[in-house]
Amino acid sequence: MGYVTAVPHPRSEAPGSARAGRLSLAVALLSGALGAAVALLATRQEWSQGTATVAGGAFPLTAKGSDVTGVPAALAIVGLAALVAVFAVRRAGRLIVAALLALSGVGIVAAALLGASDSAALDEQAAQASGDTSASVDALSHTAWPYVAVVGGALILLAGLLALRYGRLWPGMSGRYERSGTPQPRRKAPAVDPDRPEDLWKALDRGEDPTGA
């Protein structure tokens, strides 16, 4: 007597997949939006400070994140746009946008880490303040804001990785915004009453012959 092997129904895993999709979607949206906001906020804060010798005295200098590097702010905007675009595309397009989202996070992390020890922005300010193009900043120090930008980039990277892993389970745009291959039935033009002038004018506006000739 043969044995029949039970095969699980394809929909048996649907509830778990749906829960994973909803959870990953919520985490990705939160981390992506929060990461972009954190990265943008961090670039507007003071990243480094120092002094320049001007007329025999010490002149204080400060540099914001946007002075040090514009990469984190630009990639934060790109990442935010990619997070929104994930829902406008499907299949391969969604994978590409998710990869762009993850790469935006990686770029922010790398740029912020490099900017955490950069002195070029303050050296330029020191040269302008002293009038000496070879002048450099003294007593250079850095704040924690570059590392805050790193956290923002890491959150965007997390959103991108979640989109790569679970993006296929996420919903897309409503079907009414998409074109289907099925031809839509033509709407029948309303009947024209020859005794009503407004109907005649409407028919002419539609490019129809109101006389039926």
N, C-alpha and C. Protein backbone atom coordinates (compact mmCIF):
# COMPACT_ATOMS: atom_id res chain seq x y z
N MET A 1 0.85 -1.19 0.00
CA MET A 1 0.00 0.00 0.00
C MET A 1 0.89 1.25 0.00
N GLY A 2 0.66 2.15 -0.93
CA GLY A 2 1.52 3.32 -1.03
C GLY A 2 1.16 4.37 0.02
N TYR A 3 2.12 5.21 0.24
CA TYR A 3 1.93 6.29 1.20
C TYR A 3 1.79 7.61 0.44
N VAL A 4 0.92 8.41 0.92
CA VAL A 4 0.70 9.72 0.31
C VAL A 4 1.39 10.77 1.17
N THR A 5 2.29 11.51 0.56
CA THR A 5 3.02 12.55 1.29
C THR A 5 2.20 13.83 1.29
N ALA A 6 1.99 14.37 2.46
CA ALA A 6 1.20 15.59 2.59
C ALA A 6 2.02 16.78 2.13
N VAL A 7 1.47 17.52 1.24
CA VAL A 7 2.13 18.72 0.73
C VAL A 7 1.40 19.93 1.29
N PRO A 8 2.11 20.83 1.97
CA PRO A 8 1.44 22.00 2.54
C PRO A 8 0.84 22.88 1.45
N HIS A 9 -0.31 23.38 1.73
CA HIS A 9 -0.99 24.26 0.79
C HIS A 9 -0.18 25.54 0.62
N PRO A 10 -0.09 26.07 -0.60
CA PRO A 10 0.71 27.28 -0.83
C PRO A 10 0.31 28.45 0.05
N ARG A 11 -0.95 28.47 0.49
CA ARG A 11 -1.39 29.59 1.30
C ARG A 11 -1.16 29.38 2.78
N SER A 12 -0.59 28.21 3.16
CA SER A 12 -0.43 27.93 4.58
C SER A 12 0.58 28.86 5.23
N GLU A 13 1.52 29.38 4.44
CA GLU A 13 2.52 30.30 5.00
C GLU A 13 2.11 31.76 4.82
N ALA A 14 0.98 32.00 4.20
CA ALA A 14 0.58 33.37 3.92
C ALA A 14 0.44 34.23 5.16
N PRO A 15 -0.19 33.75 6.26
CA PRO A 15 -0.32 34.61 7.43
C PRO A 15 1.03 35.06 7.98
N GLY A 16 2.00 34.12 8.07
CA GLY A 16 3.32 34.50 8.57
C GLY A 16 4.01 35.47 7.65
N SER A 17 3.89 35.26 6.33
CA SER A 17 4.51 36.17 5.38
C SER A 17 3.87 37.55 5.45
N ALA A 18 2.56 37.57 5.63
CA ALA A 18 1.87 38.86 5.72
C ALA A 18 2.32 39.63 6.95
N ARG A 19 2.46 38.91 8.07
CA ARG A 19 2.92 39.58 9.30
C ARG A 19 4.34 40.11 9.12
N ALA A 20 5.21 39.28 8.52
CA ALA A 20 6.58 39.73 8.28
C ALA A 20 6.61 40.93 7.36
N GLY A 21 5.74 40.93 6.33
CA GLY A 21 5.68 42.06 5.42
C GLY A 21 5.24 43.33 6.11
N ARG A 22 4.20 43.23 6.94
CA ARG A 22 3.70 44.42 7.64
C ARG A 22 4.73 44.96 8.63
N LEU A 23 5.36 44.05 9.37
CA LEU A 23 6.35 44.47 10.37
C LEU A 23 7.56 45.11 9.70
N SER A 24 8.08 44.45 8.66
CA SER A 24 9.25 45.00 7.97
C SER A 24 8.93 46.33 7.31
N LEU A 25 7.71 46.46 6.79
CA LEU A 25 7.31 47.72 6.17
C LEU A 25 7.28 48.84 7.19
N ALA A 26 6.70 48.57 8.36
CA ALA A 26 6.62 49.59 9.39
C ALA A 26 8.02 50.01 9.86
N VAL A 27 8.89 49.02 10.07
CA VAL A 27 10.25 49.32 10.53
C VAL A 27 11.02 50.09 9.47
N ALA A 28 10.88 49.69 8.20
CA ALA A 28 11.60 50.36 7.12
C ALA A 28 11.14 51.81 6.97
N LEU A 29 9.84 52.04 7.01
CA LEU A 29 9.34 53.40 6.89
C LEU A 29 9.83 54.28 8.04
N LEU A 30 9.76 53.73 9.25
CA LEU A 30 10.19 54.50 10.41
C LEU A 30 11.68 54.78 10.38
N SER A 31 12.48 53.74 10.14
CA SER A 31 13.93 53.92 10.15
C SER A 31 14.40 54.78 8.98
N GLY A 32 13.78 54.61 7.80
CA GLY A 32 14.18 55.42 6.66
C GLY A 32 13.88 56.89 6.85
N ALA A 33 12.66 57.19 7.27
CA ALA A 33 12.27 58.59 7.48
C ALA A 33 13.06 59.21 8.63
N LEU A 34 13.22 58.45 9.72
CA LEU A 34 13.98 58.97 10.87
C LEU A 34 15.44 59.16 10.51
N GLY A 35 16.00 58.20 9.77
CA GLY A 35 17.40 58.31 9.38
C GLY A 35 17.66 59.53 8.51
N ALA A 36 16.77 59.79 7.55
CA ALA A 36 16.95 60.96 6.70
C ALA A 36 16.86 62.25 7.52
N ALA A 37 15.90 62.31 8.45
CA ALA A 37 15.76 63.50 9.28
C ALA A 37 16.98 63.71 10.17
N VAL A 38 17.49 62.62 10.74
CA VAL A 38 18.67 62.72 11.62
C VAL A 38 19.89 63.18 10.82
N ALA A 39 20.09 62.59 9.64
CA ALA A 39 21.24 62.96 8.82
C ALA A 39 21.18 64.43 8.40
N LEU A 40 19.99 64.87 7.99
CA LEU A 40 19.84 66.27 7.59
C LEU A 40 20.07 67.22 8.77
N LEU A 41 19.53 66.85 9.93
CA LEU A 41 19.73 67.67 11.12
C LEU A 41 21.20 67.75 11.50
N ALA A 42 21.89 66.61 11.44
CA ALA A 42 23.29 66.57 11.84
C ALA A 42 24.16 67.44 10.95
N THR A 43 23.86 67.50 9.66
CA THR A 43 24.70 68.29 8.75
C THR A 43 24.55 69.79 8.99
N ARG A 44 23.53 70.19 9.70
CA ARG A 44 23.34 71.61 9.99
C ARG A 44 23.95 72.03 11.32
N GLN A 45 24.56 71.08 12.00
CA GLN A 45 25.15 71.37 13.31
C GLN A 45 26.67 71.53 13.18
N GLU A 46 27.27 71.98 14.27
CA GLU A 46 28.72 72.22 14.29
C GLU A 46 29.48 70.90 14.39
N TRP A 47 30.36 70.65 13.42
CA TRP A 47 31.13 69.41 13.39
C TRP A 47 32.54 69.60 13.94
N SER A 48 33.13 70.76 13.71
CA SER A 48 34.51 70.97 14.15
C SER A 48 34.70 72.41 14.57
N GLN A 49 35.75 72.62 15.36
CA GLN A 49 36.07 73.96 15.84
C GLN A 49 37.57 74.07 16.07
N GLY A 50 38.06 75.29 16.03
CA GLY A 50 39.49 75.51 16.22
C GLY A 50 39.76 77.00 16.29
N THR A 51 41.00 77.36 16.15
CA THR A 51 41.39 78.77 16.19
C THR A 51 42.38 79.05 15.07
N ALA A 52 42.44 80.30 14.69
CA ALA A 52 43.42 80.77 13.71
C ALA A 52 44.13 81.98 14.30
N THR A 53 45.40 82.12 14.03
CA THR A 53 46.17 83.24 14.55
C THR A 53 46.01 84.43 13.62
N VAL A 54 45.38 85.48 14.13
CA VAL A 54 45.12 86.67 13.35
C VAL A 54 45.62 87.88 14.15
N ALA A 55 46.58 88.62 13.55
CA ALA A 55 47.14 89.82 14.19
C ALA A 55 47.66 89.51 15.59
N GLY A 56 48.28 88.36 15.72
CA GLY A 56 48.89 88.00 17.00
C GLY A 56 47.92 87.44 18.01
N GLY A 57 46.65 87.33 17.65
CA GLY A 57 45.67 86.80 18.58
C GLY A 57 44.96 85.58 18.00
N ALA A 58 44.27 84.84 18.86
CA ALA A 58 43.54 83.64 18.46
C ALA A 58 42.14 84.01 18.01
N PHE A 59 41.78 83.58 16.83
CA PHE A 59 40.47 83.87 16.26
C PHE A 59 39.68 82.55 16.18
N PRO A 60 38.53 82.46 16.88
CA PRO A 60 37.80 81.19 16.90
C PRO A 60 37.14 80.89 15.55
N LEU A 61 37.15 79.61 15.19
CA LEU A 61 36.56 79.16 13.94
C LEU A 61 35.66 77.95 14.21
N THR A 62 34.57 77.87 13.48
CA THR A 62 33.69 76.70 13.57
C THR A 62 33.26 76.30 12.17
N ALA A 63 32.95 75.02 12.00
CA ALA A 63 32.49 74.52 10.70
C ALA A 63 31.30 73.60 10.92
N LYS A 64 30.24 73.84 10.17
CA LYS A 64 29.07 72.96 10.21
C LYS A 64 29.32 71.73 9.33
N GLY A 65 28.44 70.78 9.49
CA GLY A 65 28.57 69.58 8.68
C GLY A 65 28.46 69.88 7.20
N SER A 66 27.59 70.83 6.83
CA SER A 66 27.44 71.19 5.42
C SER A 66 28.68 71.88 4.88
N ASP A 67 29.49 72.49 5.78
CA ASP A 67 30.75 73.09 5.36
C ASP A 67 31.81 72.03 5.11
N VAL A 68 31.74 70.96 5.89
CA VAL A 68 32.73 69.89 5.78
C VAL A 68 32.47 69.03 4.55
N THR A 69 31.23 68.59 4.37
CA THR A 69 30.85 67.75 3.24
C THR A 69 29.36 67.87 2.96
N GLY A 70 29.01 67.93 1.70
CA GLY A 70 27.60 68.00 1.33
C GLY A 70 27.00 66.65 0.99
N VAL A 71 27.82 65.59 1.10
CA VAL A 71 27.37 64.25 0.71
C VAL A 71 26.24 63.72 1.60
N PRO A 72 26.36 63.78 2.92
CA PRO A 72 25.28 63.22 3.76
C PRO A 72 23.92 63.85 3.51
N ALA A 73 23.87 65.16 3.37
CA ALA A 73 22.58 65.82 3.14
C ALA A 73 22.00 65.42 1.79
N ALA A 74 22.85 65.38 0.77
CA ALA A 74 22.36 65.00 -0.57
C ALA A 74 21.85 63.57 -0.58
N LEU A 75 22.60 62.66 0.04
CA LEU A 75 22.19 61.26 0.04
C LEU A 75 20.98 61.02 0.94
N ALA A 76 20.80 61.85 1.96
CA ALA A 76 19.61 61.72 2.80
C ALA A 76 18.36 62.03 1.98
N ILE A 77 18.44 63.02 1.11
CA ILE A 77 17.31 63.36 0.25
C ILE A 77 17.08 62.25 -0.78
N VAL A 78 18.19 61.73 -1.34
CA VAL A 78 18.07 60.62 -2.30
C VAL A 78 17.43 59.40 -1.62
N GLY A 79 17.89 59.10 -0.40
CA GLY A 79 17.33 57.96 0.33
C GLY A 79 15.86 58.14 0.63
N LEU A 80 15.46 59.34 0.99
CA LEU A 80 14.04 59.60 1.28
C LEU A 80 13.20 59.44 0.02
N ALA A 81 13.72 59.92 -1.10
CA ALA A 81 13.00 59.76 -2.37
C ALA A 81 12.91 58.29 -2.76
N ALA A 82 13.99 57.54 -2.53
CA ALA A 82 13.98 56.11 -2.85
C ALA A 82 13.00 55.36 -1.97
N LEU A 83 12.89 55.76 -0.72
CA LEU A 83 11.95 55.11 0.19
C LEU A 83 10.52 55.26 -0.30
N VAL A 84 10.19 56.42 -0.83
CA VAL A 84 8.86 56.65 -1.38
C VAL A 84 8.69 55.89 -2.70
N ALA A 85 9.75 55.90 -3.52
CA ALA A 85 9.67 55.28 -4.85
C ALA A 85 9.54 53.76 -4.77
N VAL A 86 9.91 53.17 -3.65
CA VAL A 86 9.79 51.71 -3.51
C VAL A 86 8.37 51.25 -3.78
N PHE A 87 7.40 52.06 -3.39
CA PHE A 87 6.00 51.66 -3.52
C PHE A 87 5.43 51.96 -4.91
N ALA A 88 6.19 52.67 -5.73
CA ALA A 88 5.71 53.01 -7.06
C ALA A 88 6.17 52.01 -8.12
N VAL A 89 7.07 51.10 -7.74
CA VAL A 89 7.60 50.14 -8.71
C VAL A 89 7.41 48.73 -8.16
N ARG A 90 7.61 47.75 -9.03
CA ARG A 90 7.45 46.35 -8.65
C ARG A 90 8.59 45.52 -9.21
N ARG A 91 8.72 44.32 -8.67
CA ARG A 91 9.65 43.31 -9.15
C ARG A 91 11.08 43.87 -9.23
N ALA A 92 11.70 43.81 -10.41
CA ALA A 92 13.09 44.23 -10.56
C ALA A 92 13.27 45.71 -10.23
N GLY A 93 12.29 46.53 -10.60
CA GLY A 93 12.37 47.94 -10.28
C GLY A 93 12.42 48.20 -8.79
N ARG A 94 11.67 47.42 -8.02
CA ARG A 94 11.68 47.58 -6.57
C ARG A 94 13.03 47.18 -5.99
N LEU A 95 13.65 46.15 -6.53
CA LEU A 95 14.97 45.73 -6.07
C LEU A 95 16.01 46.82 -6.34
N ILE A 96 15.93 47.43 -7.51
CA ILE A 96 16.88 48.48 -7.87
C ILE A 96 16.74 49.68 -6.93
N VAL A 97 15.50 50.10 -6.68
CA VAL A 97 15.27 51.24 -5.80
C VAL A 97 15.68 50.91 -4.37
N ALA A 98 15.42 49.67 -3.93
CA ALA A 98 15.83 49.26 -2.59
C ALA A 98 17.35 49.27 -2.47
N ALA A 99 18.04 48.83 -3.52
CA ALA A 99 19.50 48.87 -3.50
C ALA A 99 20.00 50.32 -3.43
N LEU A 100 19.35 51.22 -4.16
CA LEU A 100 19.72 52.63 -4.09
C LEU A 100 19.51 53.19 -2.69
N LEU A 101 18.44 52.77 -2.05
CA LEU A 101 18.17 53.20 -0.67
C LEU A 101 19.28 52.73 0.26
N ALA A 102 19.67 51.46 0.12
CA ALA A 102 20.74 50.93 0.97
C ALA A 102 22.07 51.62 0.70
N LEU A 103 22.38 51.86 -0.57
CA LEU A 103 23.64 52.52 -0.92
C LEU A 103 23.67 53.97 -0.42
N SER A 104 22.52 54.62 -0.37
CA SER A 104 22.47 55.97 0.19
C SER A 104 22.89 55.95 1.65
N GLY A 105 22.41 54.95 2.39
CA GLY A 105 22.82 54.83 3.78
C GLY A 105 24.30 54.57 3.93
N VAL A 106 24.84 53.70 3.08
CA VAL A 106 26.28 53.41 3.13
C VAL A 106 27.09 54.68 2.84
N GLY A 107 26.65 55.44 1.84
CA GLY A 107 27.36 56.67 1.49
C GLY A 107 27.35 57.70 2.61
N ILE A 108 26.23 57.81 3.29
CA ILE A 108 26.15 58.75 4.41
C ILE A 108 27.10 58.34 5.53
N VAL A 109 27.12 57.05 5.85
CA VAL A 109 28.01 56.56 6.90
C VAL A 109 29.46 56.84 6.55
N ALA A 110 29.86 56.52 5.33
CA ALA A 110 31.24 56.71 4.91
C ALA A 110 31.63 58.19 4.91
N ALA A 111 30.77 59.05 4.36
CA ALA A 111 31.09 60.47 4.29
C ALA A 111 31.16 61.09 5.68
N ALA A 112 30.27 60.68 6.57
CA ALA A 112 30.28 61.24 7.93
C ALA A 112 31.51 60.80 8.71
N LEU A 113 31.92 59.55 8.53
CA LEU A 113 33.11 59.08 9.22
C LEU A 113 34.36 59.81 8.72
N LEU A 114 34.43 60.04 7.42
CA LEU A 114 35.56 60.79 6.88
C LEU A 114 35.53 62.24 7.36
N GLY A 115 34.33 62.81 7.45
CA GLY A 115 34.22 64.20 7.88
C GLY A 115 34.49 64.39 9.36
N ALA A 116 34.42 63.31 10.13
CA ALA A 116 34.63 63.42 11.59
C ALA A 116 36.05 63.84 11.93
N SER A 117 37.00 63.63 11.04
CA SER A 117 38.39 64.02 11.31
C SER A 117 38.92 64.99 10.27
N ASP A 118 38.03 65.56 9.48
CA ASP A 118 38.46 66.46 8.41
C ASP A 118 38.73 67.86 8.95
N SER A 119 39.77 68.48 8.42
CA SER A 119 40.11 69.85 8.85
C SER A 119 40.13 70.83 7.68
N ALA A 120 39.81 70.37 6.49
CA ALA A 120 39.91 71.22 5.31
C ALA A 120 39.03 72.46 5.41
N ALA A 121 37.80 72.29 5.92
CA ALA A 121 36.89 73.42 6.01
C ALA A 121 37.44 74.50 6.95
N LEU A 122 37.99 74.10 8.08
CA LEU A 122 38.53 75.08 9.01
C LEU A 122 39.85 75.67 8.50
N ASP A 123 40.64 74.87 7.80
CA ASP A 123 41.87 75.40 7.21
C ASP A 123 41.55 76.50 6.20
N GLU A 124 40.51 76.31 5.43
CA GLU A 124 40.10 77.33 4.47
C GLU A 124 39.65 78.60 5.18
N GLN A 125 38.92 78.43 6.28
CA GLN A 125 38.49 79.60 7.04
C GLN A 125 39.69 80.31 7.67
N ALA A 126 40.66 79.52 8.14
CA ALA A 126 41.86 80.11 8.74
C ALA A 126 42.64 80.91 7.71
N ALA A 127 42.72 80.41 6.48
CA ALA A 127 43.43 81.12 5.42
C ALA A 127 42.72 82.42 5.08
N GLN A 128 41.39 82.41 5.07
CA GLN A 128 40.65 83.62 4.77
C GLN A 128 40.76 84.64 5.90
N ALA A 129 40.72 84.16 7.14
CA ALA A 129 40.77 85.07 8.29
C ALA A 129 42.14 85.73 8.44
N SER A 130 43.20 84.97 8.16
CA SER A 130 44.55 85.49 8.34
C SER A 130 45.12 86.14 7.09
N GLY A 131 44.49 85.88 5.96
CA GLY A 131 45.02 86.42 4.71
C GLY A 131 46.22 85.66 4.21
N ASP A 132 46.51 84.53 4.80
CA ASP A 132 47.65 83.71 4.42
C ASP A 132 47.11 82.38 3.87
N THR A 133 47.35 82.13 2.59
CA THR A 133 46.80 80.92 1.97
C THR A 133 47.40 79.65 2.54
N SER A 134 48.55 79.76 3.20
CA SER A 134 49.18 78.57 3.78
C SER A 134 48.81 78.36 5.24
N ALA A 135 47.99 79.24 5.78
CA ALA A 135 47.62 79.13 7.20
C ALA A 135 46.74 77.91 7.42
N SER A 136 46.83 77.36 8.62
CA SER A 136 46.00 76.20 8.99
C SER A 136 45.41 76.44 10.37
N VAL A 137 44.42 75.69 10.70
CA VAL A 137 43.73 75.87 11.96
C VAL A 137 44.55 75.29 13.11
N ASP A 138 44.42 75.92 14.28
CA ASP A 138 45.10 75.43 15.49
C ASP A 138 44.04 74.94 16.47
N ALA A 139 44.48 74.11 17.40
CA ALA A 139 43.60 73.59 18.46
C ALA A 139 42.33 72.99 17.87
N LEU A 140 42.51 72.15 16.87
CA LEU A 140 41.37 71.54 16.19
C LEU A 140 40.68 70.51 17.08
N SER A 141 39.35 70.56 17.11
CA SER A 141 38.56 69.56 17.84
C SER A 141 37.27 69.30 17.07
N HIS A 142 36.67 68.17 17.35
CA HIS A 142 35.46 67.77 16.64
C HIS A 142 34.35 67.45 17.65
N THR A 143 33.13 67.64 17.20
CA THR A 143 31.97 67.34 18.04
C THR A 143 31.46 65.93 17.72
N ALA A 144 30.35 65.57 18.36
CA ALA A 144 29.77 64.24 18.14
C ALA A 144 28.78 64.22 16.98
N TRP A 145 28.52 65.36 16.37
CA TRP A 145 27.50 65.40 15.34
C TRP A 145 27.82 64.56 14.10
N PRO A 146 29.09 64.43 13.70
CA PRO A 146 29.34 63.52 12.57
C PRO A 146 28.88 62.09 12.85
N TYR A 147 29.00 61.67 14.10
CA TYR A 147 28.58 60.31 14.45
C TYR A 147 27.05 60.20 14.54
N VAL A 148 26.40 61.33 14.81
CA VAL A 148 24.94 61.34 14.73
C VAL A 148 24.51 61.12 13.28
N ALA A 149 25.24 61.74 12.36
CA ALA A 149 24.95 61.52 10.93
C ALA A 149 25.20 60.06 10.55
N VAL A 150 26.21 59.44 11.17
CA VAL A 150 26.46 58.02 10.93
C VAL A 150 25.25 57.18 11.35
N VAL A 151 24.67 57.53 12.48
CA VAL A 151 23.47 56.82 12.94
C VAL A 151 22.33 56.99 11.93
N GLY A 152 22.17 58.21 11.42
CA GLY A 152 21.14 58.43 10.41
C GLY A 152 21.37 57.60 9.16
N GLY A 153 22.63 57.52 8.73
CA GLY A 153 22.94 56.69 7.57
C GLY A 153 22.68 55.22 7.83
N ALA A 154 22.99 54.77 9.04
CA ALA A 154 22.75 53.37 9.40
C ALA A 154 21.26 53.03 9.38
N LEU A 155 20.43 53.98 9.81
CA LEU A 155 18.99 53.75 9.78
C LEU A 155 18.47 53.65 8.33
N ILE A 156 19.01 54.50 7.45
CA ILE A 156 18.62 54.42 6.04
C ILE A 156 19.11 53.10 5.44
N LEU A 157 20.30 52.69 5.80
CA LEU A 157 20.82 51.40 5.33
C LEU A 157 19.92 50.26 5.79
N LEU A 158 19.47 50.31 7.03
CA LEU A 158 18.55 49.29 7.53
C LEU A 158 17.26 49.25 6.71
N ALA A 159 16.72 50.42 6.40
CA ALA A 159 15.51 50.48 5.58
C ALA A 159 15.75 49.85 4.21
N GLY A 160 16.92 50.11 3.63
CA GLY A 160 17.23 49.53 2.33
C GLY A 160 17.37 48.03 2.38
N LEU A 161 18.01 47.52 3.43
CA LEU A 161 18.16 46.07 3.56
C LEU A 161 16.81 45.39 3.77
N LEU A 162 15.94 46.02 4.54
CA LEU A 162 14.59 45.46 4.72
C LEU A 162 13.82 45.46 3.40
N ALA A 163 14.00 46.52 2.61
CA ALA A 163 13.32 46.58 1.32
C ALA A 163 13.84 45.50 0.38
N LEU A 164 15.14 45.23 0.45
CA LEU A 164 15.71 44.18 -0.39
C LEU A 164 15.19 42.80 0.02
N ARG A 165 15.06 42.60 1.31
CA ARG A 165 14.67 41.29 1.82
C ARG A 165 13.17 41.06 1.76
N TYR A 166 12.38 42.06 2.14
CA TYR A 166 10.93 41.86 2.26
C TYR A 166 10.12 42.71 1.29
N GLY A 167 10.78 43.45 0.43
CA GLY A 167 10.06 44.36 -0.46
C GLY A 167 9.01 43.69 -1.32
N ARG A 168 9.25 42.41 -1.67
CA ARG A 168 8.28 41.71 -2.52
C ARG A 168 6.95 41.48 -1.80
N LEU A 169 6.96 41.57 -0.47
CA LEU A 169 5.73 41.38 0.30
C LEU A 169 4.98 42.68 0.55
N TRP A 170 5.62 43.79 0.20
CA TRP A 170 5.01 45.09 0.48
C TRP A 170 3.99 45.45 -0.60
N PRO A 171 2.98 46.21 -0.23
CA PRO A 171 1.99 46.62 -1.24
C PRO A 171 2.57 47.67 -2.17
N GLY A 172 1.95 47.81 -3.32
CA GLY A 172 2.35 48.84 -4.27
C GLY A 172 1.27 49.89 -4.37
N MET A 173 1.39 50.73 -5.37
CA MET A 173 0.37 51.75 -5.59
C MET A 173 -0.95 51.09 -5.92
N SER A 174 -2.02 51.81 -5.67
CA SER A 174 -3.34 51.29 -5.98
C SER A 174 -3.45 51.00 -7.46
N GLY A 175 -4.20 49.97 -7.79
CA GLY A 175 -4.33 49.55 -9.17
C GLY A 175 -4.90 50.61 -10.08
N ARG A 176 -5.59 51.57 -9.53
CA ARG A 176 -6.21 52.57 -10.41
C ARG A 176 -5.17 53.53 -10.97
N TYR A 177 -3.93 53.48 -10.39
CA TYR A 177 -2.88 54.34 -10.92
C TYR A 177 -2.04 53.63 -11.96
N GLU A 178 -2.28 52.34 -12.19
CA GLU A 178 -1.47 51.56 -13.10
C GLU A 178 -2.27 51.25 -14.36
N ARG A 179 -1.54 51.11 -15.47
CA ARG A 179 -2.15 50.75 -16.73
C ARG A 179 -2.13 49.24 -16.88
N SER A 180 -3.22 48.66 -17.24
CA SER A 180 -3.27 47.23 -17.48
C SER A 180 -3.29 46.98 -18.98
N GLY A 181 -2.95 45.75 -19.34
CA GLY A 181 -2.92 45.41 -20.76
C GLY A 181 -4.30 45.18 -21.33
N THR A 182 -5.33 45.11 -20.51
CA THR A 182 -6.69 44.87 -20.99
C THR A 182 -7.29 46.15 -21.50
N PRO A 183 -7.75 46.18 -22.74
CA PRO A 183 -8.37 47.42 -23.26
C PRO A 183 -9.63 47.76 -22.50
N GLN A 184 -9.76 49.02 -22.17
CA GLN A 184 -10.92 49.48 -21.42
C GLN A 184 -12.08 49.73 -22.38
N PRO A 185 -13.29 49.34 -22.00
CA PRO A 185 -14.44 49.59 -22.88
C PRO A 185 -14.71 51.08 -23.05
N ARG A 186 -15.04 51.46 -24.28
CA ARG A 186 -15.32 52.86 -24.55
C ARG A 186 -16.68 53.25 -23.97
N ARG A 187 -16.69 54.41 -23.37
CA ARG A 187 -17.95 54.90 -22.82
C ARG A 187 -18.83 55.41 -23.95
N LYS A 188 -20.07 54.99 -23.93
CA LYS A 188 -21.00 55.40 -24.96
C LYS A 188 -21.40 56.85 -24.76
N ALA A 189 -21.32 57.62 -25.83
CA ALA A 189 -21.66 59.04 -25.74
C ALA A 189 -23.15 59.19 -25.45
N PRO A 190 -23.50 60.14 -24.62
CA PRO A 190 -24.93 60.34 -24.31
C PRO A 190 -25.70 60.75 -25.55
N ALA A 191 -26.96 60.39 -25.56
CA ALA A 191 -27.82 60.73 -26.70
C ALA A 191 -28.01 62.23 -26.77
N VAL A 192 -28.06 62.75 -28.00
CA VAL A 192 -28.21 64.19 -28.22
C VAL A 192 -29.66 64.49 -28.55
N ASP A 193 -30.24 65.39 -27.76
CA ASP A 193 -31.61 65.82 -28.02
C ASP A 193 -31.55 67.05 -28.92
N PRO A 194 -31.99 66.94 -30.18
CA PRO A 194 -31.88 68.08 -31.11
C PRO A 194 -32.69 69.29 -30.68
N ASP A 195 -33.63 69.10 -29.75
CA ASP A 195 -34.44 70.23 -29.28
C ASP A 195 -33.77 70.98 -28.14
N ARG A 196 -32.61 70.49 -27.69
CA ARG A 196 -31.92 71.15 -26.57
C ARG A 196 -30.59 71.71 -27.09
N PRO A 197 -30.47 73.01 -27.17
CA PRO A 197 -29.24 73.63 -27.71
C PRO A 197 -27.99 73.24 -26.93
N GLU A 198 -28.12 73.07 -25.56
CA GLU A 198 -26.93 72.74 -24.78
C GLU A 198 -26.38 71.37 -25.15
N ASP A 199 -27.29 70.43 -25.52
CA ASP A 199 -26.82 69.11 -25.94
C ASP A 199 -26.08 69.19 -27.27
N LEU A 200 -26.57 70.08 -28.16
CA LEU A 200 -25.90 70.24 -29.44
C LEU A 200 -24.49 70.80 -29.27
N TRP A 201 -24.36 71.80 -28.38
CA TRP A 201 -23.05 72.39 -28.14
C TRP A 201 -22.10 71.37 -27.51
N LYS A 202 -22.59 70.57 -26.56
CA LYS A 202 -21.73 69.56 -25.93
C LYS A 202 -21.26 68.52 -26.95
N ALA A 203 -22.16 68.15 -27.89
CA ALA A 203 -21.77 67.19 -28.92
C ALA A 203 -20.70 67.78 -29.83
N LEU A 204 -20.83 69.05 -30.15
CA LEU A 204 -19.82 69.70 -30.98
C LEU A 204 -18.48 69.78 -30.25
N ASP A 205 -18.51 70.04 -28.95
CA ASP A 205 -17.27 70.08 -28.16
C ASP A 205 -16.58 68.74 -28.15
N ARG A 206 -17.38 67.65 -28.19
CA ARG A 206 -16.77 66.31 -28.20
C ARG A 206 -16.33 65.90 -29.59
N GLY A 207 -16.54 66.76 -30.60
CA GLY A 207 -16.16 66.42 -31.96
C GLY A 207 -17.14 65.52 -32.65
N GLU A 208 -18.38 65.50 -32.19
CA GLU A 208 -19.41 64.63 -32.78
C GLU A 208 -20.33 65.47 -33.69
N ASP A 209 -20.98 64.72 -34.56
CA ASP A 209 -21.96 65.35 -35.45
C ASP A 209 -23.32 65.26 -34.78
N PRO A 210 -23.85 66.34 -34.26
CA PRO A 210 -25.14 66.26 -33.53
C PRO A 210 -26.32 65.93 -34.43
N THR A 211 -26.15 66.09 -35.74
CA THR A 211 -27.26 65.80 -36.64
C THR A 211 -27.35 64.32 -36.96
N GLY A 212 -26.28 63.55 -36.64
CA GLY A 212 -26.28 62.12 -36.91
C GLY A 212 -26.06 61.78 -38.35
N ALA A 213 -25.70 62.77 -39.15
CA ALA A 213 -25.49 62.52 -40.58
C ALA A 213 -24.16 61.84 -40.82
